[in-house]
Amino acid sequence: MPRKSNPDVRKAFEQIPITPEQLDELYKCYDDPLYCIKNYFKIRHPTKGLVKFDMYDYQEEVIRRAQKNRFNVILFPRQSGKCNFASVRIYVRENKEFTFFQRIINKVLLWLIN
């Protein structure tokens, strides 16, 4: 869908003012990854389209433990709704030359806050 017909897509290099409420949300997301995932992460369902990411209890527990401990051994079977969440990447356009770079999710939040 072209940008002109989609009001949700902003123009290139458009300045976006950040309100204090948005900054507070960024801090909440940085402090609590579960809050960020439950409120902002979406997955694509085959029939329902884009839906909120509702985690199972064991998925939340893995994230909590990974947040508390640097090293974890996770014994999960195949296809149990897991991924290497520490390597989830966000692509950010860095400059006018449209070069992209990858940032790990925690580094993106730090980068946005600073």
PDB file of N, CA and C in Angstrom:
ATOM      1  N   MET A   1       0.844  -1.173   0.000  1.00  0.00           N
ATOM      2  CA  MET A   1       0.000   0.000   0.000  1.00  0.00           C
ATOM      3  C   MET A   1       0.895   1.243   0.000  1.00  0.00           C
ATOM      4  N   PRO A   2       0.689   2.169  -0.923  1.00  0.00           N
ATOM      5  CA  PRO A   2       1.527   3.361  -0.981  1.00  0.00           C
ATOM      6  C   PRO A   2       1.335   4.255   0.237  1.00  0.00           C
ATOM      7  N   ARG A   3       2.374   5.030   0.529  1.00  0.00           N
ATOM      8  CA  ARG A   3       2.346   5.908   1.688  1.00  0.00           C
ATOM      9  C   ARG A   3       1.228   6.930   1.596  1.00  0.00           C
ATOM     10  N   LYS A   4       0.943   7.455   0.408  1.00  0.00           N
ATOM     11  CA  LYS A   4      -0.069   8.499   0.264  1.00  0.00           C
ATOM     12  C   LYS A   4      -1.446   8.016   0.687  1.00  0.00           C
ATOM     13  N   SER A   5      -1.734   6.748   0.479  1.00  0.00           N
ATOM     14  CA  SER A   5      -3.050   6.240   0.840  1.00  0.00           C
ATOM     15  C   SER A   5      -3.089   5.646   2.248  1.00  0.00           C
ATOM     16  N   ASN A   6      -1.949   5.600   2.939  1.00  0.00           N
ATOM     17  CA  ASN A   6      -1.902   5.048   4.288  1.00  0.00           C
ATOM     18  C   ASN A   6      -1.506   6.149   5.270  1.00  0.00           C
ATOM     19  N   PRO A   7      -2.443   6.656   6.066  1.00  0.00           N
ATOM     20  CA  PRO A   7      -2.129   7.745   6.992  1.00  0.00           C
ATOM     21  C   PRO A   7      -1.230   7.330   8.154  1.00  0.00           C
ATOM     22  N   ASP A   8      -1.059   6.022   8.385  1.00  0.00           N
ATOM     23  CA  ASP A   8      -0.218   5.562   9.485  1.00  0.00           C
ATOM     24  C   ASP A   8       1.269   5.623   9.158  1.00  0.00           C
ATOM     25  N   VAL A   9       1.612   5.768   7.888  1.00  0.00           N
ATOM     26  CA  VAL A   9       3.015   5.812   7.477  1.00  0.00           C
ATOM     27  C   VAL A   9       3.442   7.270   7.381  1.00  0.00           C
ATOM     28  N   ARG A  10       4.482   7.615   8.134  1.00  0.00           N
ATOM     29  CA  ARG A  10       4.957   8.998   8.133  1.00  0.00           C
ATOM     30  C   ARG A  10       5.889   9.248   6.959  1.00  0.00           C
ATOM     31  N   LYS A  11       6.064  10.521   6.641  1.00  0.00           N
ATOM     32  CA  LYS A  11       6.989  10.907   5.580  1.00  0.00           C
ATOM     33  C   LYS A  11       8.422  10.645   6.032  1.00  0.00           C
ATOM     34  N   ALA A  12       9.308  10.541   5.073  1.00  0.00           N
ATOM     35  CA  ALA A  12      10.713  10.327   5.391  1.00  0.00           C
ATOM     36  C   ALA A  12      11.264  11.538   6.128  1.00  0.00           C
ATOM     37  N   PHE A  13      12.043  11.284   7.175  1.00  0.00           N
ATOM     38  CA  PHE A  13      12.741  12.303   7.962  1.00  0.00           C
ATOM     39  C   PHE A  13      11.798  13.266   8.668  1.00  0.00           C
ATOM     40  N   GLU A  14      10.580  12.863   8.899  1.00  0.00           N
ATOM     41  CA  GLU A  14       9.628  13.705   9.615  1.00  0.00           C
ATOM     42  C   GLU A  14      10.024  13.761  11.087  1.00  0.00           C
ATOM     43  N   GLN A  15      10.079  14.956  11.642  1.00  0.00           N
ATOM     44  CA  GLN A  15      10.410  15.134  13.052  1.00  0.00           C
ATOM     45  C   GLN A  15       9.200  14.740  13.895  1.00  0.00           C
ATOM     46  N   ILE A  16       9.431  13.924  14.897  1.00  0.00           N
ATOM     47  CA  ILE A  16       8.350  13.456  15.753  1.00  0.00           C
ATOM     48  C   ILE A  16       8.617  13.959  17.167  1.00  0.00           C
ATOM     49  N   PRO A  17       7.767  14.843  17.663  1.00  0.00           N
ATOM     50  CA  PRO A  17       7.969  15.310  19.040  1.00  0.00           C
ATOM     51  C   PRO A  17       7.604  14.209  20.033  1.00  0.00           C
ATOM     52  N   ILE A  18       8.397  14.076  21.077  1.00  0.00           N
ATOM     53  CA  ILE A  18       8.140  13.071  22.105  1.00  0.00           C
ATOM     54  C   ILE A  18       7.576  13.777  23.325  1.00  0.00           C
ATOM     55  N   THR A  19       6.406  13.349  23.743  1.00  0.00           N
ATOM     56  CA  THR A  19       5.760  13.942  24.911  1.00  0.00           C
ATOM     57  C   THR A  19       6.311  13.293  26.180  1.00  0.00           C
ATOM     58  N   PRO A  20       6.123  13.931  27.330  1.00  0.00           N
ATOM     59  CA  PRO A  20       6.563  13.309  28.588  1.00  0.00           C
ATOM     60  C   PRO A  20       5.892  11.955  28.848  1.00  0.00           C
ATOM     61  N   GLU A  21       4.644  11.801  28.403  1.00  0.00           N
ATOM     62  CA  GLU A  21       3.952  10.519  28.587  1.00  0.00           C
ATOM     63  C   GLU A  21       4.613   9.418  27.758  1.00  0.00           C
ATOM     64  N   GLN A  22       5.022   9.765  26.542  1.00  0.00           N
ATOM     65  CA  GLN A  22       5.703   8.780  25.697  1.00  0.00           C
ATOM     66  C   GLN A  22       7.061   8.410  26.285  1.00  0.00           C
ATOM     67  N   LEU A  23       7.742   9.393  26.850  1.00  0.00           N
ATOM     68  CA  LEU A  23       9.028   9.126  27.485  1.00  0.00           C
ATOM     69  C   LEU A  23       8.843   8.217  28.699  1.00  0.00           C
ATOM     70  N   ASP A  24       7.776   8.445  29.462  1.00  0.00           N
ATOM     71  CA  ASP A  24       7.470   7.562  30.592  1.00  0.00           C
ATOM     72  C   ASP A  24       7.213   6.134  30.115  1.00  0.00           C
ATOM     73  N   GLU A  25       6.510   5.992  28.988  1.00  0.00           N
ATOM     74  CA  GLU A  25       6.266   4.661  28.421  1.00  0.00           C
ATOM     75  C   GLU A  25       7.578   3.989  28.029  1.00  0.00           C
ATOM     76  N   LEU A  26       8.492   4.759  27.453  1.00  0.00           N
ATOM     77  CA  LEU A  26       9.799   4.194  27.089  1.00  0.00           C
ATOM     78  C   LEU A  26      10.535   3.695  28.322  1.00  0.00           C
ATOM     79  N   TYR A  27      10.479   4.469  29.404  1.00  0.00           N
ATOM     80  CA  TYR A  27      11.122   4.042  30.647  1.00  0.00           C
ATOM     81  C   TYR A  27      10.475   2.767  31.190  1.00  0.00           C
ATOM     82  N   LYS A  28       9.140   2.696  31.137  1.00  0.00           N
ATOM     83  CA  LYS A  28       8.446   1.489  31.603  1.00  0.00           C
ATOM     84  C   LYS A  28       8.864   0.280  30.774  1.00  0.00           C
ATOM     85  N   CYS A  29       8.949   0.472  29.463  1.00  0.00           N
ATOM     86  CA  CYS A  29       9.347  -0.632  28.581  1.00  0.00           C
ATOM     87  C   CYS A  29      10.783  -1.055  28.844  1.00  0.00           C
ATOM     88  N   TYR A  30      11.639  -0.097  29.146  1.00  0.00           N
ATOM     89  CA  TYR A  30      13.032  -0.428  29.426  1.00  0.00           C
ATOM     90  C   TYR A  30      13.154  -1.189  30.746  1.00  0.00           C
ATOM     91  N   ASP A  31      12.381  -0.762  31.752  1.00  0.00           N
ATOM     92  CA  ASP A  31      12.466  -1.399  33.067  1.00  0.00           C
ATOM     93  C   ASP A  31      11.816  -2.776  33.102  1.00  0.00           C
ATOM     94  N   ASP A  32      10.757  -2.977  32.344  1.00  0.00           N
ATOM     95  CA  ASP A  32      10.012  -4.227  32.401  1.00  0.00           C
ATOM     96  C   ASP A  32       9.747  -4.753  30.994  1.00  0.00           C
ATOM     97  N   PRO A  33      10.550  -5.700  30.518  1.00  0.00           N
ATOM     98  CA  PRO A  33      10.337  -6.220  29.165  1.00  0.00           C
ATOM     99  C   PRO A  33       8.984  -6.907  28.992  1.00  0.00           C
ATOM    100  N   LEU A  34       8.446  -7.492  30.060  1.00  0.00           N
ATOM    101  CA  LEU A  34       7.128  -8.126  29.947  1.00  0.00           C
ATOM    102  C   LEU A  34       6.044  -7.091  29.663  1.00  0.00           C
ATOM    103  N   TYR A  35       6.145  -5.938  30.293  1.00  0.00           N
ATOM    104  CA  TYR A  35       5.191  -4.854  30.032  1.00  0.00           C
ATOM    105  C   TYR A  35       5.260  -4.437  28.563  1.00  0.00           C
ATOM    106  N   CYS A  36       6.470  -4.295  28.070  1.00  0.00           N
ATOM    107  CA  CYS A  36       6.672  -3.893  26.675  1.00  0.00           C
ATOM    108  C   CYS A  36       6.099  -4.945  25.724  1.00  0.00           C
ATOM    109  N   ILE A  37       6.375  -6.201  25.982  1.00  0.00           N
ATOM    110  CA  ILE A  37       5.906  -7.275  25.105  1.00  0.00           C
ATOM    111  C   ILE A  37       4.385  -7.358  25.115  1.00  0.00           C
ATOM    112  N   LYS A  38       3.793  -7.306  26.307  1.00  0.00           N
ATOM    113  CA  LYS A  38       2.334  -7.443  26.412  1.00  0.00           C
ATOM    114  C   LYS A  38       1.588  -6.278  25.773  1.00  0.00           C
ATOM    115  N   ASN A  39       2.180  -5.090  25.806  1.00  0.00           N
ATOM    116  CA  ASN A  39       1.467  -3.912  25.312  1.00  0.00           C
ATOM    117  C   ASN A  39       1.809  -3.518  23.883  1.00  0.00           C
ATOM    118  N   TYR A  40       3.015  -3.853  23.405  1.00  0.00           N
ATOM    119  CA  TYR A  40       3.439  -3.321  22.120  1.00  0.00           C
ATOM    120  C   TYR A  40       3.826  -4.359  21.081  1.00  0.00           C
ATOM    121  N   PHE A  41       4.126  -5.588  21.478  1.00  0.00           N
ATOM    122  CA  PHE A  41       4.532  -6.591  20.506  1.00  0.00           C
ATOM    123  C   PHE A  41       3.302  -7.228  19.883  1.00  0.00           C
ATOM    124  N   LYS A  42       3.373  -7.452  18.587  1.00  0.00           N
ATOM    125  CA  LYS A  42       2.273  -8.083  17.863  1.00  0.00           C
ATOM    126  C   LYS A  42       2.843  -9.232  17.039  1.00  0.00           C
ATOM    127  N   ILE A  43       2.002 -10.226  16.802  1.00  0.00           N
ATOM    128  CA  ILE A  43       2.384 -11.332  15.932  1.00  0.00           C
ATOM    129  C   ILE A  43       1.330 -11.455  14.840  1.00  0.00           C
ATOM    130  N   ARG A  44       1.722 -12.040  13.746  1.00  0.00           N
ATOM    131  CA  ARG A  44       0.800 -12.200  12.628  1.00  0.00           C
ATOM    132  C   ARG A  44       0.176 -13.595  12.699  1.00  0.00           C
ATOM    133  N   HIS A  45      -1.139 -13.620  12.886  1.00  0.00           N
ATOM    134  CA  HIS A  45      -1.905 -14.865  12.939  1.00  0.00           C
ATOM    135  C   HIS A  45      -2.370 -15.201  11.521  1.00  0.00           C
ATOM    136  N   PRO A  46      -2.384 -16.488  11.149  1.00  0.00           N
ATOM    137  CA  PRO A  46      -2.754 -16.847   9.772  1.00  0.00           C
ATOM    138  C   PRO A  46      -4.158 -16.402   9.362  1.00  0.00           C
ATOM    139  N   THR A  47      -5.107 -16.416  10.292  1.00  0.00           N
ATOM    140  CA  THR A  47      -6.479 -16.041   9.928  1.00  0.00           C
ATOM    141  C   THR A  47      -6.928 -14.722  10.541  1.00  0.00           C
ATOM    142  N   LYS A  48      -6.409 -14.373  11.711  1.00  0.00           N
ATOM    143  CA  LYS A  48      -6.847 -13.152  12.400  1.00  0.00           C
ATOM    144  C   LYS A  48      -6.014 -11.928  12.042  1.00  0.00           C
ATOM    145  N   GLY A  49      -4.914 -12.121  11.354  1.00  0.00           N
ATOM    146  CA  GLY A  49      -4.050 -10.992  11.015  1.00  0.00           C
ATOM    147  C   GLY A  49      -3.154 -10.615  12.185  1.00  0.00           C
ATOM    148  N   LEU A  50      -2.940  -9.321  12.393  1.00  0.00           N
ATOM    149  CA  LEU A  50      -2.052  -8.832  13.442  1.00  0.00           C
ATOM    150  C   LEU A  50      -2.776  -8.862  14.784  1.00  0.00           C
ATOM    151  N   VAL A  51      -2.228  -9.601  15.750  1.00  0.00           N
ATOM    152  CA  VAL A  51      -2.842  -9.717  17.076  1.00  0.00           C
ATOM    153  C   VAL A  51      -1.786  -9.472  18.143  1.00  0.00           C
ATOM    154  N   LYS A  52      -2.247  -9.097  19.348  1.00  0.00           N
ATOM    155  CA  LYS A  52      -1.328  -8.912  20.465  1.00  0.00           C
ATOM    156  C   LYS A  52      -0.646 -10.233  20.796  1.00  0.00           C
ATOM    157  N   PHE A  53       0.570 -10.136  21.277  1.00  0.00           N
ATOM    158  CA  PHE A  53       1.342 -11.319  21.628  1.00  0.00           C
ATOM    159  C   PHE A  53       1.011 -11.708  23.063  1.00  0.00           C
ATOM    160  N   ASP A  54       0.179 -12.728  23.234  1.00  0.00           N
ATOM    161  CA  ASP A  54      -0.162 -13.247  24.555  1.00  0.00           C
ATOM    162  C   ASP A  54       0.771 -14.408  24.857  1.00  0.00           C
ATOM    163  N   MET A  55       1.559 -14.242  25.909  1.00  0.00           N
ATOM    164  CA  MET A  55       2.542 -15.260  26.249  1.00  0.00           C
ATOM    165  C   MET A  55       1.959 -16.290  27.199  1.00  0.00           C
ATOM    166  N   TYR A  56       2.512 -17.484  27.124  1.00  0.00           N
ATOM    167  CA  TYR A  56       2.214 -18.507  28.110  1.00  0.00           C
ATOM    168  C   TYR A  56       3.010 -18.197  29.372  1.00  0.00           C
ATOM    169  N   ASP A  57       2.609 -18.819  30.484  1.00  0.00           N
ATOM    170  CA  ASP A  57       3.287 -18.566  31.759  1.00  0.00           C
ATOM    171  C   ASP A  57       4.766 -18.934  31.693  1.00  0.00           C
ATOM    172  N   TYR A  58       5.087 -20.052  31.033  1.00  0.00           N
ATOM    173  CA  TYR A  58       6.487 -20.473  30.973  1.00  0.00           C
ATOM    174  C   TYR A  58       7.325 -19.495  30.147  1.00  0.00           C
ATOM    175  N   GLN A  59       6.726 -18.853  29.151  1.00  0.00           N
ATOM    176  CA  GLN A  59       7.463 -17.860  28.371  1.00  0.00           C
ATOM    177  C   GLN A  59       7.773 -16.630  29.224  1.00  0.00           C
ATOM    178  N   GLU A  60       6.796 -16.212  30.029  1.00  0.00           N
ATOM    179  CA  GLU A  60       7.027 -15.085  30.931  1.00  0.00           C
ATOM    180  C   GLU A  60       8.112 -15.423  31.944  1.00  0.00           C
ATOM    181  N   GLU A  61       8.090 -16.663  32.437  1.00  0.00           N
ATOM    182  CA  GLU A  61       9.092 -17.084  33.413  1.00  0.00           C
ATOM    183  C   GLU A  61      10.497 -17.061  32.807  1.00  0.00           C
ATOM    184  N   VAL A  62      10.626 -17.481  31.565  1.00  0.00           N
ATOM    185  CA  VAL A  62      11.931 -17.455  30.897  1.00  0.00           C
ATOM    186  C   VAL A  62      12.440 -16.020  30.789  1.00  0.00           C
ATOM    187  N   ILE A  63      11.566 -15.102  30.451  1.00  0.00           N
ATOM    188  CA  ILE A  63      11.986 -13.705  30.324  1.00  0.00           C
ATOM    189  C   ILE A  63      12.380 -13.141  31.681  1.00  0.00           C
ATOM    190  N   ARG A  64      11.601 -13.459  32.720  1.00  0.00           N
ATOM    191  CA  ARG A  64      11.949 -12.984  34.065  1.00  0.00           C
ATOM    192  C   ARG A  64      13.309 -13.521  34.504  1.00  0.00           C
ATOM    193  N   ARG A  65      13.527 -14.806  34.266  1.00  0.00           N
ATOM    194  CA  ARG A  65      14.804 -15.401  34.677  1.00  0.00           C
ATOM    195  C   ARG A  65      15.973 -14.848  33.869  1.00  0.00           C
ATOM    196  N   ALA A  66      15.749 -14.613  32.590  1.00  0.00           N
ATOM    197  CA  ALA A  66      16.819 -14.042  31.767  1.00  0.00           C
ATOM    198  C   ALA A  66      17.137 -12.618  32.200  1.00  0.00           C
ATOM    199  N   GLN A  67      16.132 -11.917  32.695  1.00  0.00           N
ATOM    200  CA  GLN A  67      16.354 -10.558  33.173  1.00  0.00           C
ATOM    201  C   GLN A  67      17.168 -10.567  34.472  1.00  0.00           C
ATOM    202  N   LYS A  68      16.933 -11.576  35.322  1.00  0.00           N
ATOM    203  CA  LYS A  68      17.626 -11.644  36.612  1.00  0.00           C
ATOM    204  C   LYS A  68      19.014 -12.257  36.494  1.00  0.00           C
ATOM    205  N   ASN A  69      19.164 -13.253  35.607  1.00  0.00           N
ATOM    206  CA  ASN A  69      20.422 -13.986  35.496  1.00  0.00           C
ATOM    207  C   ASN A  69      20.999 -13.822  34.102  1.00  0.00           C
ATOM    208  N   ARG A  70      22.276 -13.578  34.059  1.00  0.00           N
ATOM    209  CA  ARG A  70      22.928 -13.374  32.766  1.00  0.00           C
ATOM    210  C   ARG A  70      23.002 -14.664  31.955  1.00  0.00           C
ATOM    211  N   PHE A  71      23.283 -15.768  32.612  1.00  0.00           N
ATOM    212  CA  PHE A  71      23.411 -17.054  31.931  1.00  0.00           C
ATOM    213  C   PHE A  71      22.260 -17.964  32.344  1.00  0.00           C
ATOM    214  N   ASN A  72      21.631 -18.606  31.368  1.00  0.00           N
ATOM    215  CA  ASN A  72      20.504 -19.496  31.620  1.00  0.00           C
ATOM    216  C   ASN A  72      20.629 -20.738  30.761  1.00  0.00           C
ATOM    217  N   VAL A  73      20.229 -21.856  31.329  1.00  0.00           N
ATOM    218  CA  VAL A  73      20.098 -23.087  30.561  1.00  0.00           C
ATOM    219  C   VAL A  73      18.609 -23.374  30.492  1.00  0.00           C
ATOM    220  N   ILE A  74      18.084 -23.397  29.281  1.00  0.00           N
ATOM    221  CA  ILE A  74      16.651 -23.575  29.090  1.00  0.00           C
ATOM    222  C   ILE A  74      16.431 -24.886  28.349  1.00  0.00           C
ATOM    223  N   LEU A  75      15.750 -25.802  28.976  1.00  0.00           N
ATOM    224  CA  LEU A  75      15.490 -27.105  28.374  1.00  0.00           C
ATOM    225  C   LEU A  75      14.052 -27.139  27.875  1.00  0.00           C
ATOM    226  N   PHE A  76      13.872 -26.778  26.628  1.00  0.00           N
ATOM    227  CA  PHE A  76      12.556 -26.775  26.003  1.00  0.00           C
ATOM    228  C   PHE A  76      12.553 -27.752  24.842  1.00  0.00           C
ATOM    229  N   PRO A  77      11.424 -28.391  24.591  1.00  0.00           N
ATOM    230  CA  PRO A  77      11.321 -29.207  23.379  1.00  0.00           C
ATOM    231  C   PRO A  77      11.182 -28.321  22.149  1.00  0.00           C
ATOM    232  N   ARG A  78      11.241 -28.917  21.008  1.00  0.00           N
ATOM    233  CA  ARG A  78      11.044 -28.162  19.768  1.00  0.00           C
ATOM    234  C   ARG A  78       9.622 -27.639  19.695  1.00  0.00           C
ATOM    235  N   GLN A  79       9.429 -26.555  18.983  1.00  0.00           N
ATOM    236  CA  GLN A  79       8.123 -25.958  18.704  1.00  0.00           C
ATOM    237  C   GLN A  79       7.319 -25.683  19.967  1.00  0.00           C
ATOM    238  N   SER A  80       7.969 -25.094  20.954  1.00  0.00           N
ATOM    239  CA  SER A  80       7.259 -24.780  22.200  1.00  0.00           C
ATOM    240  C   SER A  80       7.086 -23.277  22.387  1.00  0.00           C
ATOM    241  N   GLY A  81       7.124 -22.527  21.314  1.00  0.00           N
ATOM    242  CA  GLY A  81       6.860 -21.097  21.392  1.00  0.00           C
ATOM    243  C   GLY A  81       7.987 -20.301  22.000  1.00  0.00           C
ATOM    244  N   LYS A  82       9.194 -20.615  21.618  1.00  0.00           N
ATOM    245  CA  LYS A  82      10.336 -19.886  22.162  1.00  0.00           C
ATOM    246  C   LYS A  82      11.177 -19.359  21.012  1.00  0.00           C
ATOM    247  N   CYS A  83      11.992 -18.403  21.317  1.00  0.00           N
ATOM    248  CA  CYS A  83      13.006 -17.945  20.373  1.00  0.00           C
ATOM    249  C   CYS A  83      14.151 -17.399  21.193  1.00  0.00           C
ATOM    250  N   ASN A  84      15.233 -17.128  20.553  1.00  0.00           N
ATOM    251  CA  ASN A  84      16.368 -16.537  21.237  1.00  0.00           C
ATOM    252  C   ASN A  84      16.086 -15.046  21.361  1.00  0.00           C
ATOM    253  N   PHE A  85      15.300 -14.680  22.365  1.00  0.00           N
ATOM    254  CA  PHE A  85      14.806 -13.314  22.467  1.00  0.00           C
ATOM    255  C   PHE A  85      15.907 -12.303  22.683  1.00  0.00           C
ATOM    256  N   ALA A  86      17.059 -12.734  23.130  1.00  0.00           N
ATOM    257  CA  ALA A  86      18.159 -11.791  23.293  1.00  0.00           C
ATOM    258  C   ALA A  86      18.688 -11.333  21.941  1.00  0.00           C
ATOM    259  N   SER A  87      18.373 -12.074  20.891  1.00  0.00           N
ATOM    260  CA  SER A  87      18.859 -11.679  19.575  1.00  0.00           C
ATOM    261  C   SER A  87      17.766 -11.067  18.706  1.00  0.00           C
ATOM    262  N   VAL A  88      16.625 -10.723  19.309  1.00  0.00           N
ATOM    263  CA  VAL A  88      15.588 -10.034  18.545  1.00  0.00           C
ATOM    264  C   VAL A  88      16.159  -8.704  18.100  1.00  0.00           C
ATOM    265  N   ARG A  89      16.012  -8.401  16.850  1.00  0.00           N
ATOM    266  CA  ARG A  89      16.628  -7.195  16.311  1.00  0.00           C
ATOM    267  C   ARG A  89      15.576  -6.224  15.815  1.00  0.00           C
ATOM    268  N   ILE A  90      15.910  -4.960  15.925  1.00  0.00           N
ATOM    269  CA  ILE A  90      15.075  -3.898  15.378  1.00  0.00           C
ATOM    270  C   ILE A  90      15.933  -3.180  14.354  1.00  0.00           C
ATOM    271  N   TYR A  91      15.372  -2.939  13.188  1.00  0.00           N
ATOM    272  CA  TYR A  91      16.110  -2.239  12.154  1.00  0.00           C
ATOM    273  C   TYR A  91      15.776  -0.756  12.221  1.00  0.00           C
ATOM    274  N   VAL A  92      16.807   0.060  12.271  1.00  0.00           N
ATOM    275  CA  VAL A  92      16.642   1.504  12.401  1.00  0.00           C
ATOM    276  C   VAL A  92      17.336   2.171  11.229  1.00  0.00           C
ATOM    277  N   ARG A  93      16.627   3.107  10.593  1.00  0.00           N
ATOM    278  CA  ARG A  93      17.264   3.846   9.509  1.00  0.00           C
ATOM    279  C   ARG A  93      18.122   4.928  10.141  1.00  0.00           C
ATOM    280  N   GLU A  94      19.402   4.924   9.820  1.00  0.00           N
ATOM    281  CA  GLU A  94      20.350   5.793  10.504  1.00  0.00           C
ATOM    282  C   GLU A  94      20.454   7.168   9.864  1.00  0.00           C
ATOM    283  N   ASN A  95      20.388   7.259   8.559  1.00  0.00           N
ATOM    284  CA  ASN A  95      20.633   8.551   7.925  1.00  0.00           C
ATOM    285  C   ASN A  95      19.894   8.644   6.600  1.00  0.00           C
ATOM    286  N   LYS A  96      20.152   9.728   5.872  1.00  0.00           N
ATOM    287  CA  LYS A  96      19.435   9.971   4.621  1.00  0.00           C
ATOM    288  C   LYS A  96      19.821   9.001   3.511  1.00  0.00           C
ATOM    289  N   GLU A  97      20.939   8.313   3.660  1.00  0.00           N
ATOM    290  CA  GLU A  97      21.363   7.366   2.631  1.00  0.00           C
ATOM    291  C   GLU A  97      20.642   6.027   2.770  1.00  0.00           C
ATOM    292  N   PHE A  98      19.684   5.944   3.674  1.00  0.00           N
ATOM    293  CA  PHE A  98      18.896   4.736   3.890  1.00  0.00           C
ATOM    294  C   PHE A  98      19.755   3.535   4.271  1.00  0.00           C
ATOM    295  N   THR A  99      20.830   3.779   4.999  1.00  0.00           N
ATOM    296  CA  THR A  99      21.584   2.652   5.530  1.00  0.00           C
ATOM    297  C   THR A  99      20.919   2.229   6.828  1.00  0.00           C
ATOM    298  N   PHE A 100      20.793   0.943   6.987  1.00  0.00           N
ATOM    299  CA  PHE A 100      20.126   0.408   8.160  1.00  0.00           C
ATOM    300  C   PHE A 100      21.155  -0.264   9.051  1.00  0.00           C
ATOM    301  N   PHE A 101      20.896  -0.247  10.331  1.00  0.00           N
ATOM    302  CA  PHE A 101      21.739  -0.996  11.235  1.00  0.00           C
ATOM    303  C   PHE A 101      20.845  -1.730  12.224  1.00  0.00           C
ATOM    304  N   GLN A 102      21.397  -2.769  12.794  1.00  0.00           N
ATOM    305  CA  GLN A 102      20.634  -3.584  13.726  1.00  0.00           C
ATOM    306  C   GLN A 102      20.997  -3.193  15.147  1.00  0.00           C
ATOM    307  N   ARG A 103      19.995  -3.213  15.993  1.00  0.00           N
ATOM    308  CA  ARG A 103      20.226  -2.974  17.407  1.00  0.00           C
ATOM    309  C   ARG A 103      19.470  -4.039  18.194  1.00  0.00           C
ATOM    310  N   ILE A 104      20.086  -4.502  19.237  1.00  0.00           N
ATOM    311  CA  ILE A 104      19.374  -5.410  20.129  1.00  0.00           C
ATOM    312  C   ILE A 104      18.351  -4.577  20.888  1.00  0.00           C
ATOM    313  N   ILE A 105      17.238  -5.169  21.232  1.00  0.00           N
ATOM    314  CA  ILE A 105      16.089  -4.430  21.740  1.00  0.00           C
ATOM    315  C   ILE A 105      16.422  -3.551  22.950  1.00  0.00           C
ATOM    316  N   ASN A 106      17.211  -4.024  23.896  1.00  0.00           N
ATOM    317  CA  ASN A 106      17.558  -3.199  25.056  1.00  0.00           C
ATOM    318  C   ASN A 106      18.398  -2.005  24.646  1.00  0.00           C
ATOM    319  N   LYS A 107      19.277  -2.193  23.672  1.00  0.00           N
ATOM    320  CA  LYS A 107      20.101  -1.087  23.212  1.00  0.00           C
ATOM    321  C   LYS A 107      19.266  -0.045  22.482  1.00  0.00           C
ATOM    322  N   VAL A 108      18.214  -0.486  21.792  1.00  0.00           N
ATOM    323  CA  VAL A 108      17.325   0.465  21.119  1.00  0.00           C
ATOM    324  C   VAL A 108      16.633   1.335  22.147  1.00  0.00           C
ATOM    325  N   LEU A 109      16.139   0.726  23.208  1.00  0.00           N
ATOM    326  CA  LEU A 109      15.464   1.511  24.232  1.00  0.00           C
ATOM    327  C   LEU A 109      16.427   2.487  24.894  1.00  0.00           C
ATOM    328  N   LEU A 110      17.644   2.054  25.170  1.00  0.00           N
ATOM    329  CA  LEU A 110      18.653   2.973  25.712  1.00  0.00           C
ATOM    330  C   LEU A 110      18.936   4.100  24.738  1.00  0.00           C
ATOM    331  N   TRP A 111      19.038   3.747  23.472  1.00  0.00           N
ATOM    332  CA  TRP A 111      19.335   4.729  22.434  1.00  0.00           C
ATOM    333  C   TRP A 111      18.213   5.756  22.321  1.00  0.00           C
ATOM    334  N   LEU A 112      16.957   5.318  22.426  1.00  0.00           N
ATOM    335  CA  LEU A 112      15.827   6.233  22.343  1.00  0.00           C
ATOM    336  C   LEU A 112      15.736   7.136  23.565  1.00  0.00           C
ATOM    337  N   ILE A 113      16.055   6.602  24.732  1.00  0.00           N
ATOM    338  CA  ILE A 113      15.934   7.378  25.961  1.00  0.00           C
ATOM    339  C   ILE A 113      17.027   8.432  26.050  1.00  0.00           C
ATOM    340  N   ASN A 114      18.232   8.096  25.604  1.00  0.00           N
ATOM    341  CA  ASN A 114      19.354   9.053  25.721  1.00  0.00           C
ATOM    342  C   ASN A 114      19.349  10.069  24.652  1.00  0.00           C
TER     343      ASN A 114
END
